[in-house]
Amino acid sequence: MGLDSVELHYEVEENFGIYIPNLKAEQICTVGELYETIVELIYTDEWSYIHNTQKCKSQHLFYVLRREIKNLNLPSKAIVSPQMAITEFMTPTTIRSDWEKLENRIGIQFPALEHTPRRKKQIKALNKLCFFGSVICSILALQSAVFGLFVIAFFAVFVGVDFHLQAYKRESPVANIRELVNILLKAIEPRFEYLEHDKAFIYRKLQSLIVEKLGVDVSEVTYNAHFVNDLGID
């Protein structure tokens, strides 16, 4: 997806309180396909039932989380409570994959993972090393072609190490399941608001959002309009 596509993707998720997996988003080509995806996610039987019966949303969300957390290779007798720490069922090395699994299964955008304090220090130290190393190597490169190759090798190693540090050893921005539930409830609140309206309202809202983000005329945003061929999105 291009930058325009990515930006529209996130705007749609935020405005409608839904989560569209990247693989699914890449398959959406027209306004109508995006609209149908939004409607499908908003009007799921599970959340419509909670809205219509006025059940406790936080309690229901906790039950959904508990069900999926138990599928993360937890012992069958493990007790999943609101106070259960995230570190009790996820480790720094598995949290990225487990986080993504929960996100896809539940269909809600989770808060972004953060680097551990130790990893933040490592990245900061590496950036300083790169700065001073690049200055020294650049001076030496002016003296000899051999040193020029050394500069290239230096940056190749730096990029590899930096990628490793950035990609792994992350931690949850919340301490326990209760905090996670509260954050997720705020993320999906727009979804319940749209359940108060009909589907035509959702379509009009999507139209105005596309007009605002892409700078096109509302007459161009038709159900069959292709994002690339008709609306010029990259």
C-alpha atoms as a PDB file:
ATOM      1  CA  MET A   1       0.000   0.000   0.000  1.00  0.00           C
ATOM      2  CA  GLY A   2       1.137   3.543  -0.763  1.00  0.00           C
ATOM      3  CA  LEU A   3       1.235   6.344   1.790  1.00  0.00           C
ATOM      4  CA  ASP A   4      -2.212   7.632   0.792  1.00  0.00           C
ATOM      5  CA  SER A   5      -3.653   4.136   1.196  1.00  0.00           C
ATOM      6  CA  VAL A   6      -2.019   3.685   4.597  1.00  0.00           C
ATOM      7  CA  GLU A   7      -3.249   7.066   5.825  1.00  0.00           C
ATOM      8  CA  LEU A   8      -6.809   6.379   4.663  1.00  0.00           C
ATOM      9  CA  HIS A   9      -6.628   2.926   6.243  1.00  0.00           C
ATOM     10  CA  TYR A  10      -5.784   4.338   9.670  1.00  0.00           C
ATOM     11  CA  GLU A  11      -8.319   7.172   9.369  1.00  0.00           C
ATOM     12  CA  VAL A  12     -11.092   4.674   8.620  1.00  0.00           C
ATOM     13  CA  GLU A  13     -10.102   2.502  11.587  1.00  0.00           C
ATOM     14  CA  GLU A  14     -10.016   5.469  13.952  1.00  0.00           C
ATOM     15  CA  ASN A  15     -13.253   7.055  12.761  1.00  0.00           C
ATOM     16  CA  PHE A  16     -15.304   3.862  12.750  1.00  0.00           C
ATOM     17  CA  GLY A  17     -13.685   2.140  15.742  1.00  0.00           C
ATOM     18  CA  ILE A  18     -12.758  -0.960  13.760  1.00  0.00           C
ATOM     19  CA  TYR A  19      -9.621  -2.920  12.901  1.00  0.00           C
ATOM     20  CA  ILE A  20      -8.872  -3.982   9.315  1.00  0.00           C
ATOM     21  CA  PRO A  21      -5.895  -6.391   9.033  1.00  0.00           C
ATOM     22  CA  ASN A  22      -3.272  -5.276   6.500  1.00  0.00           C
ATOM     23  CA  LEU A  23      -3.837  -8.353   4.315  1.00  0.00           C
ATOM     24  CA  LYS A  24      -7.547  -7.575   4.121  1.00  0.00           C
ATOM     25  CA  ALA A  25      -6.909  -3.878   3.460  1.00  0.00           C
ATOM     26  CA  GLU A  26      -4.625  -4.708   0.519  1.00  0.00           C
ATOM     27  CA  GLN A  27      -7.479  -6.602  -1.141  1.00  0.00           C
ATOM     28  CA  ILE A  28      -9.874  -3.622  -1.009  1.00  0.00           C
ATOM     29  CA  CYS A  29      -9.923  -1.851  -4.376  1.00  0.00           C
ATOM     30  CA  THR A  30     -13.184   0.124  -4.514  1.00  0.00           C
ATOM     31  CA  VAL A  31     -15.220   2.415  -2.280  1.00  0.00           C
ATOM     32  CA  GLY A  32     -17.961  -0.204  -2.189  1.00  0.00           C
ATOM     33  CA  GLU A  33     -15.597  -2.920  -0.983  1.00  0.00           C
ATOM     34  CA  LEU A  34     -14.335  -0.646   1.783  1.00  0.00           C
ATOM     35  CA  TYR A  35     -17.903   0.259   2.758  1.00  0.00           C
ATOM     36  CA  GLU A  36     -18.971  -3.407   2.906  1.00  0.00           C
ATOM     37  CA  THR A  37     -15.937  -4.220   5.071  1.00  0.00           C
ATOM     38  CA  ILE A  38     -16.797  -1.422   7.503  1.00  0.00           C
ATOM     39  CA  VAL A  39     -20.439  -2.515   7.726  1.00  0.00           C
ATOM     40  CA  GLU A  40     -19.421  -6.133   8.252  1.00  0.00           C
ATOM     41  CA  LEU A  41     -17.135  -5.198  11.148  1.00  0.00           C
ATOM     42  CA  ILE A  42     -19.570  -2.788  12.795  1.00  0.00           C
ATOM     43  CA  TYR A  43     -22.607  -5.019  12.506  1.00  0.00           C
ATOM     44  CA  THR A  44     -21.038  -8.235  13.757  1.00  0.00           C
ATOM     45  CA  ASP A  45     -23.577 -10.329  15.648  1.00  0.00           C
ATOM     46  CA  GLU A  46     -21.484 -10.279  18.812  1.00  0.00           C
ATOM     47  CA  TRP A  47     -21.179  -6.496  19.188  1.00  0.00           C
ATOM     48  CA  SER A  48     -24.671  -5.750  17.858  1.00  0.00           C
ATOM     49  CA  TYR A  49     -26.080  -8.034  20.525  1.00  0.00           C
ATOM     50  CA  ILE A  50     -24.132  -6.259  23.259  1.00  0.00           C
ATOM     51  CA  HIS A  51     -25.320  -2.888  21.989  1.00  0.00           C
ATOM     52  CA  ASN A  52     -28.965  -3.865  21.595  1.00  0.00           C
ATOM     53  CA  THR A  53     -29.260  -5.612  24.958  1.00  0.00           C
ATOM     54  CA  GLN A  54     -27.280  -2.932  26.825  1.00  0.00           C
ATOM     55  CA  LYS A  55     -24.929  -5.530  28.277  1.00  0.00           C
ATOM     56  CA  CYS A  56     -21.823  -4.326  30.103  1.00  0.00           C
ATOM     57  CA  LYS A  57     -19.317  -3.673  27.315  1.00  0.00           C
ATOM     58  CA  SER A  58     -16.221  -3.915  29.512  1.00  0.00           C
ATOM     59  CA  GLN A  59     -17.372  -7.217  30.987  1.00  0.00           C
ATOM     60  CA  HIS A  60     -18.087  -8.683  27.565  1.00  0.00           C
ATOM     61  CA  LEU A  61     -14.769  -7.474  26.157  1.00  0.00           C
ATOM     62  CA  PHE A  62     -12.956  -9.055  29.092  1.00  0.00           C
ATOM     63  CA  TYR A  63     -14.681 -12.386  28.387  1.00  0.00           C
ATOM     64  CA  VAL A  64     -13.655 -12.168  24.721  1.00  0.00           C
ATOM     65  CA  LEU A  65     -10.048 -11.391  25.705  1.00  0.00           C
ATOM     66  CA  ARG A  66      -9.989 -14.167  28.275  1.00  0.00           C
ATOM     67  CA  ARG A  67     -11.205 -16.674  25.692  1.00  0.00           C
ATOM     68  CA  GLU A  68      -8.480 -15.729  23.213  1.00  0.00           C
ATOM     69  CA  ILE A  69      -5.729 -15.420  25.836  1.00  0.00           C
ATOM     70  CA  LYS A  70      -6.397 -18.998  26.905  1.00  0.00           C
ATOM     71  CA  ASN A  71      -5.630 -20.041  23.338  1.00  0.00           C
ATOM     72  CA  LEU A  72      -2.074 -18.651  23.644  1.00  0.00           C
ATOM     73  CA  ASN A  73      -0.619 -21.913  24.944  1.00  0.00           C
ATOM     74  CA  LEU A  74      -1.650 -21.201  28.531  1.00  0.00           C
ATOM     75  CA  PRO A  75      -2.064 -24.108  30.941  1.00  0.00           C
ATOM     76  CA  SER A  76      -5.678 -25.328  30.875  1.00  0.00           C
ATOM     77  CA  LYS A  77      -6.102 -24.512  34.577  1.00  0.00           C
ATOM     78  CA  ALA A  78      -4.648 -20.994  34.303  1.00  0.00           C
ATOM     79  CA  ILE A  79      -6.907 -18.340  35.848  1.00  0.00           C
ATOM     80  CA  VAL A  80      -7.287 -15.272  33.633  1.00  0.00           C
ATOM     81  CA  SER A  81      -8.495 -12.348  35.749  1.00  0.00           C
ATOM     82  CA  PRO A  82      -8.724  -8.575  35.091  1.00  0.00           C
ATOM     83  CA  GLN A  83      -5.651  -8.071  37.303  1.00  0.00           C
ATOM     84  CA  MET A  84      -3.569 -10.638  35.424  1.00  0.00           C
ATOM     85  CA  ALA A  85      -0.306  -9.026  34.299  1.00  0.00           C
ATOM     86  CA  ILE A  86       0.453  -9.032  30.577  1.00  0.00           C
ATOM     87  CA  THR A  87       3.854 -10.578  31.356  1.00  0.00           C
ATOM     88  CA  GLU A  88       2.109 -13.629  32.819  1.00  0.00           C
ATOM     89  CA  PHE A  89       0.987 -14.828  29.394  1.00  0.00           C
ATOM     90  CA  MET A  90       3.391 -13.015  27.058  1.00  0.00           C
ATOM     91  CA  THR A  91       7.182 -12.780  27.048  1.00  0.00           C
ATOM     92  CA  PRO A  92       9.345 -10.052  25.415  1.00  0.00           C
ATOM     93  CA  THR A  93      10.304 -12.489  22.655  1.00  0.00           C
ATOM     94  CA  THR A  94       6.767 -13.698  21.855  1.00  0.00           C
ATOM     95  CA  ILE A  95       4.722 -10.580  22.581  1.00  0.00           C
ATOM     96  CA  ARG A  96       4.802  -9.277  18.990  1.00  0.00           C
ATOM     97  CA  SER A  97       3.313 -12.442  17.510  1.00  0.00           C
ATOM     98  CA  ASP A  98       0.895 -12.983  20.420  1.00  0.00           C
ATOM     99  CA  TRP A  99      -0.208  -9.328  20.293  1.00  0.00           C
ATOM    100  CA  GLU A 100      -0.939  -9.664  16.585  1.00  0.00           C
ATOM    101  CA  LYS A 101      -2.841 -12.918  17.105  1.00  0.00           C
ATOM    102  CA  LEU A 102      -5.135 -11.319  19.688  1.00  0.00           C
ATOM    103  CA  GLU A 103      -5.598  -8.248  17.498  1.00  0.00           C
ATOM    104  CA  ASN A 104      -6.674 -10.323  14.485  1.00  0.00           C
ATOM    105  CA  ARG A 105      -8.883 -12.717  16.428  1.00  0.00           C
ATOM    106  CA  ILE A 106     -10.740 -10.022  18.358  1.00  0.00           C
ATOM    107  CA  GLY A 107     -10.855  -7.494  15.514  1.00  0.00           C
ATOM    108  CA  ILE A 108      -9.837  -4.439  17.529  1.00  0.00           C
ATOM    109  CA  GLN A 109      -6.770  -2.221  17.043  1.00  0.00           C
ATOM    110  CA  PHE A 110      -4.422  -2.841  19.985  1.00  0.00           C
ATOM    111  CA  PRO A 111      -2.135  -0.119  21.396  1.00  0.00           C
ATOM    112  CA  ALA A 112       1.347  -0.079  19.891  1.00  0.00           C
ATOM    113  CA  LEU A 113       4.020  -2.086  21.660  1.00  0.00           C
ATOM    114  CA  GLU A 114       6.942  -0.266  23.236  1.00  0.00           C
ATOM    115  CA  HIS A 115      10.629  -1.056  23.555  1.00  0.00           C
ATOM    116  CA  THR A 116      11.804  -2.285  26.934  1.00  0.00           C
ATOM    117  CA  PRO A 117      13.877   0.261  28.940  1.00  0.00           C
ATOM    118  CA  ARG A 118      17.041  -1.757  28.316  1.00  0.00           C
ATOM    119  CA  ARG A 119      16.377  -1.883  24.582  1.00  0.00           C
ATOM    120  CA  LYS A 120      15.766   1.892  24.478  1.00  0.00           C
ATOM    121  CA  LYS A 121      19.214   2.439  26.021  1.00  0.00           C
ATOM    122  CA  GLN A 122      20.794   0.058  23.516  1.00  0.00           C
ATOM    123  CA  ILE A 123      19.211   1.861  20.564  1.00  0.00           C
ATOM    124  CA  LYS A 124      20.257   5.253  21.943  1.00  0.00           C
ATOM    125  CA  ALA A 125      23.843   4.059  22.438  1.00  0.00           C
ATOM    126  CA  LEU A 126      23.908   2.560  18.940  1.00  0.00           C
ATOM    127  CA  ASN A 127      22.734   5.830  17.397  1.00  0.00           C
ATOM    128  CA  LYS A 128      25.524   7.716  19.173  1.00  0.00           C
ATOM    129  CA  LEU A 129      28.067   5.146  18.008  1.00  0.00           C
ATOM    130  CA  CYS A 130      26.815   5.468  14.446  1.00  0.00           C
ATOM    131  CA  PHE A 131      27.102   9.260  14.520  1.00  0.00           C
ATOM    132  CA  PHE A 132      30.678   9.350  15.751  1.00  0.00           C
ATOM    133  CA  GLY A 133      31.632   6.332  13.652  1.00  0.00           C
ATOM    134  CA  SER A 134      30.230   7.908  10.490  1.00  0.00           C
ATOM    135  CA  VAL A 135      32.223  11.110  11.124  1.00  0.00           C
ATOM    136  CA  ILE A 136      35.479   9.214  11.597  1.00  0.00           C
ATOM    137  CA  CYS A 137      34.828   6.881   8.660  1.00  0.00           C
ATOM    138  CA  SER A 138      33.964   9.771   6.358  1.00  0.00           C
ATOM    139  CA  ILE A 139      37.257  11.476   7.170  1.00  0.00           C
ATOM    140  CA  LEU A 140      39.172   8.262   6.550  1.00  0.00           C
ATOM    141  CA  ALA A 141      37.248   7.603   3.319  1.00  0.00           C
ATOM    142  CA  LEU A 142      38.632  10.805   1.881  1.00  0.00           C
ATOM    143  CA  GLN A 143      42.132   9.388   2.288  1.00  0.00           C
ATOM    144  CA  SER A 144      41.692   5.998   0.639  1.00  0.00           C
ATOM    145  CA  ALA A 145      39.286   3.904  -1.421  1.00  0.00           C
ATOM    146  CA  VAL A 146      39.889   1.033   1.004  1.00  0.00           C
ATOM    147  CA  PHE A 147      38.531   3.125   3.802  1.00  0.00           C
ATOM    148  CA  GLY A 148      35.558   3.903   1.538  1.00  0.00           C
ATOM    149  CA  LEU A 149      34.729   0.203   1.447  1.00  0.00           C
ATOM    150  CA  PHE A 150      35.152   0.153   5.198  1.00  0.00           C
ATOM    151  CA  VAL A 151      32.514   2.886   5.484  1.00  0.00           C
ATOM    152  CA  ILE A 152      30.063   0.832   3.429  1.00  0.00           C
ATOM    153  CA  ALA A 153      30.698  -2.219   5.598  1.00  0.00           C
ATOM    154  CA  PHE A 154      30.288  -0.135   8.754  1.00  0.00           C
ATOM    155  CA  PHE A 155      26.881   1.132   7.718  1.00  0.00           C
ATOM    156  CA  ALA A 156      25.765  -2.327   6.582  1.00  0.00           C
ATOM    157  CA  VAL A 157      26.569  -3.723  10.018  1.00  0.00           C
ATOM    158  CA  PHE A 158      24.863  -0.760  11.676  1.00  0.00           C
ATOM    159  CA  VAL A 159      21.661  -1.227   9.670  1.00  0.00           C
ATOM    160  CA  GLY A 160      21.590  -4.928  10.521  1.00  0.00           C
ATOM    161  CA  VAL A 161      22.124  -4.390  14.246  1.00  0.00           C
ATOM    162  CA  ASP A 162      19.660  -1.507  14.357  1.00  0.00           C
ATOM    163  CA  PHE A 163      17.000  -3.607  12.619  1.00  0.00           C
ATOM    164  CA  HIS A 164      17.486  -6.376  15.175  1.00  0.00           C
ATOM    165  CA  LEU A 165      17.216  -3.969  18.086  1.00  0.00           C
ATOM    166  CA  GLN A 166      14.132  -2.231  16.668  1.00  0.00           C
ATOM    167  CA  ALA A 167      12.315  -5.435  15.771  1.00  0.00           C
ATOM    168  CA  TYR A 168      12.562  -7.431  18.976  1.00  0.00           C
ATOM    169  CA  LYS A 169      12.335  -7.145  22.745  1.00  0.00           C
ATOM    170  CA  ARG A 170       9.141  -5.136  23.049  1.00  0.00           C
ATOM    171  CA  GLU A 171       6.747  -4.795  25.947  1.00  0.00           C
ATOM    172  CA  SER A 172       3.094  -3.957  26.446  1.00  0.00           C
ATOM    173  CA  PRO A 173       2.197  -0.297  27.152  1.00  0.00           C
ATOM    174  CA  VAL A 174      -0.298  -1.561  29.750  1.00  0.00           C
ATOM    175  CA  ALA A 175       0.398  -3.519  32.916  1.00  0.00           C
ATOM    176  CA  ASN A 176      -2.618  -5.833  33.087  1.00  0.00           C
ATOM    177  CA  ILE A 177      -5.764  -6.996  31.321  1.00  0.00           C
ATOM    178  CA  ARG A 178      -7.980  -4.406  33.042  1.00  0.00           C
ATOM    179  CA  GLU A 179      -5.921  -1.550  31.571  1.00  0.00           C
ATOM    180  CA  LEU A 180      -5.981  -3.214  28.155  1.00  0.00           C
ATOM    181  CA  VAL A 181      -9.773  -3.549  28.274  1.00  0.00           C
ATOM    182  CA  ASN A 182     -10.163   0.150  29.102  1.00  0.00           C
ATOM    183  CA  ILE A 183      -7.964   1.176  26.158  1.00  0.00           C
ATOM    184  CA  LEU A 184      -9.761  -1.153  23.738  1.00  0.00           C
ATOM    185  CA  LEU A 185     -13.162   0.144  24.856  1.00  0.00           C
ATOM    186  CA  LYS A 186     -12.139   3.680  23.915  1.00  0.00           C
ATOM    187  CA  ALA A 187     -10.895   2.423  20.546  1.00  0.00           C
ATOM    188  CA  ILE A 188     -14.215   0.777  19.630  1.00  0.00           C
ATOM    189  CA  GLU A 189     -16.548   3.413  21.100  1.00  0.00           C
ATOM    190  CA  PRO A 190     -17.244   4.915  17.627  1.00  0.00           C
ATOM    191  CA  ARG A 191     -18.445   1.469  16.547  1.00  0.00           C
ATOM    192  CA  PHE A 192     -21.297   1.601  19.066  1.00  0.00           C
ATOM    193  CA  GLU A 193     -22.158   5.148  18.036  1.00  0.00           C
ATOM    194  CA  TYR A 194     -22.604   4.052  14.418  1.00  0.00           C
ATOM    195  CA  LEU A 195     -24.930   1.264  15.536  1.00  0.00           C
ATOM    196  CA  GLU A 196     -27.348   4.063  16.446  1.00  0.00           C
ATOM    197  CA  HIS A 197     -27.617   4.981  12.740  1.00  0.00           C
ATOM    198  CA  ASP A 198     -28.531   3.157   9.547  1.00  0.00           C
ATOM    199  CA  LYS A 199     -26.049   1.893   6.984  1.00  0.00           C
ATOM    200  CA  ALA A 200     -26.697   4.847   4.665  1.00  0.00           C
ATOM    201  CA  PHE A 201     -25.281   7.123   7.364  1.00  0.00           C
ATOM    202  CA  ILE A 202     -22.099   5.042   7.438  1.00  0.00           C
ATOM    203  CA  TYR A 203     -21.768   5.334   3.654  1.00  0.00           C
ATOM    204  CA  ARG A 204     -22.160   9.114   3.761  1.00  0.00           C
ATOM    205  CA  LYS A 205     -19.582   9.330   6.540  1.00  0.00           C
ATOM    206  CA  LEU A 206     -17.161   7.241   4.495  1.00  0.00           C
ATOM    207  CA  GLN A 207     -17.730   9.465   1.465  1.00  0.00           C
ATOM    208  CA  SER A 208     -16.939  12.631   3.420  1.00  0.00           C
ATOM    209  CA  LEU A 209     -13.842  11.003   4.919  1.00  0.00           C
ATOM    210  CA  ILE A 210     -12.511  10.039   1.476  1.00  0.00           C
ATOM    211  CA  VAL A 211     -13.231  13.528   0.123  1.00  0.00           C
ATOM    212  CA  GLU A 212     -11.355  15.080   3.051  1.00  0.00           C
ATOM    213  CA  LYS A 213      -8.313  12.791   2.893  1.00  0.00           C
ATOM    214  CA  LEU A 214      -7.913  12.523  -0.904  1.00  0.00           C
ATOM    215  CA  GLY A 215      -9.076  15.990  -1.914  1.00  0.00           C
ATOM    216  CA  VAL A 216     -11.530  14.696  -4.544  1.00  0.00           C
ATOM    217  CA  ASP A 217     -15.067  15.836  -5.333  1.00  0.00           C
ATOM    218  CA  VAL A 218     -17.899  14.010  -3.617  1.00  0.00           C
ATOM    219  CA  SER A 219     -19.425  13.183  -7.026  1.00  0.00           C
ATOM    220  CA  GLU A 220     -16.349  11.061  -7.789  1.00  0.00           C
ATOM    221  CA  VAL A 221     -16.746   8.949  -4.652  1.00  0.00           C
ATOM    222  CA  THR A 222     -19.262   6.437  -5.968  1.00  0.00           C
ATOM    223  CA  TYR A 223     -19.867   2.881  -4.790  1.00  0.00           C
ATOM    224  CA  ASN A 224     -17.926   1.395  -7.727  1.00  0.00           C
ATOM    225  CA  ALA A 225     -15.150   4.007  -7.784  1.00  0.00           C
ATOM    226  CA  HIS A 226     -11.697   2.375  -7.903  1.00  0.00           C
ATOM    227  CA  PHE A 227      -9.235   3.928  -5.462  1.00  0.00           C
ATOM    228  CA  VAL A 228      -6.309   3.790  -7.896  1.00  0.00           C
ATOM    229  CA  ASN A 229      -7.919   4.150 -11.337  1.00  0.00           C
ATOM    230  CA  ASP A 230     -10.685   6.609 -10.431  1.00  0.00           C
ATOM    231  CA  LEU A 231      -9.561   8.430  -7.272  1.00  0.00           C
ATOM    232  CA  GLY A 232      -5.822   8.489  -7.979  1.00  0.00           C
ATOM    233  CA  ILE A 233      -4.725   7.009  -4.668  1.00  0.00           C
ATOM    234  CA  ASP A 234      -1.174   5.653  -4.566  1.00  0.00           C
END
